Structures are given as C-alpha cells and as structure tokens.
Protein backbone atom coordinates (compact mmCIF):
# COMPACT_ATOMS: atom_id res chain seq x y z
CA MET A 1 5.89 42.40 -21.83
CA HIS A 2 3.94 40.21 -19.24
CA ALA A 3 5.34 36.75 -18.20
CA ILE A 4 3.93 33.88 -15.90
CA ILE A 5 6.58 32.33 -13.21
CA THR A 6 5.09 28.77 -11.79
CA THR A 7 6.99 26.78 -8.69
CA THR A 8 5.83 23.72 -7.92
CA GLY A 9 7.25 21.00 -5.64
CA GLN A 10 7.37 19.86 -2.14
CA ASP A 11 6.58 22.63 0.58
CA ARG A 12 9.64 24.35 2.92
CA VAL A 13 10.33 27.55 4.25
CA GLY A 14 11.85 30.05 2.32
CA ILE A 15 10.34 29.47 -1.18
CA ILE A 16 8.01 32.90 -2.16
CA ALA A 17 11.31 34.33 -0.30
CA GLY A 18 13.68 33.03 -2.90
CA VAL A 19 11.43 33.28 -5.95
CA SER A 20 11.05 36.67 -5.76
CA ALA A 21 14.28 37.65 -4.66
CA ALA A 22 15.74 35.73 -7.93
CA ALA A 23 12.76 37.86 -9.84
CA ALA A 24 14.13 41.09 -8.19
CA GLU A 25 17.58 40.28 -9.32
CA ARG A 26 16.42 40.12 -13.02
CA ASN A 27 14.85 43.42 -12.40
CA LEU A 28 11.50 41.47 -12.85
CA ASN A 29 7.94 43.06 -11.16
CA ILE A 30 5.62 41.26 -9.48
CA LEU A 31 2.21 42.02 -10.55
CA ASP A 32 0.05 39.19 -8.72
CA VAL A 33 0.90 36.38 -6.70
CA SER A 34 -1.41 32.79 -5.74
CA GLN A 35 0.15 29.75 -3.63
CA THR A 36 -1.30 27.18 -3.03
CA LEU A 37 -0.46 24.55 0.01
CA MET A 38 -2.12 20.74 -0.40
CA ASP A 39 -0.91 18.64 2.32
CA ASP A 40 2.96 19.37 1.56
CA PHE A 41 3.14 20.26 -1.93
CA PHE A 42 3.72 24.00 -2.55
CA THR A 43 2.52 25.40 -5.54
CA MET A 44 2.51 29.31 -7.08
CA ILE A 45 1.97 31.11 -9.45
CA MET A 46 3.41 34.99 -10.19
CA ARG A 47 2.67 37.49 -12.98
CA ALA A 48 5.52 39.78 -13.81
CA GLU A 49 6.34 42.64 -15.86
CA ILE A 50 9.65 41.82 -17.78
CA PRO A 51 11.39 45.67 -18.60
CA GLY A 52 12.30 46.63 -21.91
CA GLU A 53 11.70 45.17 -25.27
CA SER A 54 14.45 42.44 -25.64
CA VAL A 55 14.47 39.77 -23.04
CA ASP A 56 16.55 36.42 -23.18
CA MET A 57 13.71 34.45 -22.01
CA ALA A 58 16.60 31.47 -21.83
CA GLU A 59 18.90 33.16 -19.43
CA LEU A 60 15.61 33.92 -17.40
CA GLN A 61 14.52 30.11 -17.19
CA ARG A 62 18.39 29.14 -16.15
CA HIS A 63 17.89 31.89 -13.64
CA LEU A 64 15.36 30.82 -12.02
CA ALA A 65 15.65 26.92 -12.35
CA GLY A 66 18.99 26.85 -10.70
CA VAL A 67 17.40 28.82 -8.16
CA GLY A 68 14.77 26.67 -7.86
CA GLU A 69 17.09 23.26 -7.54
CA ARG A 70 18.41 25.32 -4.72
CA LEU A 71 15.19 25.59 -2.99
CA GLY A 72 14.16 22.30 -4.59
CA VAL A 73 11.71 22.88 -5.93
CA VAL A 74 10.82 23.21 -9.88
CA VAL A 75 10.85 27.21 -11.44
CA ARG A 76 9.39 27.95 -15.17
CA ILE A 77 9.14 30.90 -16.68
CA GLN A 78 6.82 31.66 -19.89
CA SER A 79 5.41 34.52 -21.63
CA THR A 80 1.96 35.40 -20.90
CA ASP A 81 0.70 34.76 -24.46
CA LEU A 82 2.45 31.07 -24.36
CA PHE A 83 0.70 30.79 -21.07
CA THR A 84 -2.77 31.51 -22.40
CA ALA A 85 -2.07 29.38 -25.39
CA MET A 86 -0.77 25.96 -23.68
CA ASN A 87 -3.65 26.67 -21.05
CA GLU A 88 -6.92 27.21 -23.19
CA ILE A 89 -9.73 24.58 -23.57
C-alpha cells in the first residue's frame, strides 16, 4: 500500500528530519519527496510505501500528527487512492 504524507507550516530547522524519522518509526519507506519554501511557509509532500496488508491509518495519522505538533507543523497521511480522488479536477 502507498500513502501520501503532507506537511505544512511555518519553516523551522528539523521538519524534514522529524517527519522522516516518524515515518521510519512506523517502517514506512519514503519513495519520493518534494518540498517548497514560500517566504517562511514550508510545504512537503512525501509518497511512502506502507508494509503489510492491514494498516491502521488512524494510528499512523495520530503518530504523525503528534510529531507535527511537536515540530509546529501540520502532518497528514492519506492512502494514495484517497489523495488522488480528493485532488483530481
């Protein structure tokens, strides 16, 4: 299963490291990453592979949201299917 992790918020040192470490703690393999800085606003999108068949997306979201809170950013995770459906025009 693949997922999209989005991160947004005020730029600061350690965002990429913190979110990447949180993904690694849950054995997620980051396949692709794109990040942009607009003035002091940080945005990042990661595509990650989630191992195994049964994944508790709610638990993953809580874990990443907690890391985001400590970093002062908003972190969300969605399956690629849901992300694509929500962002297609």
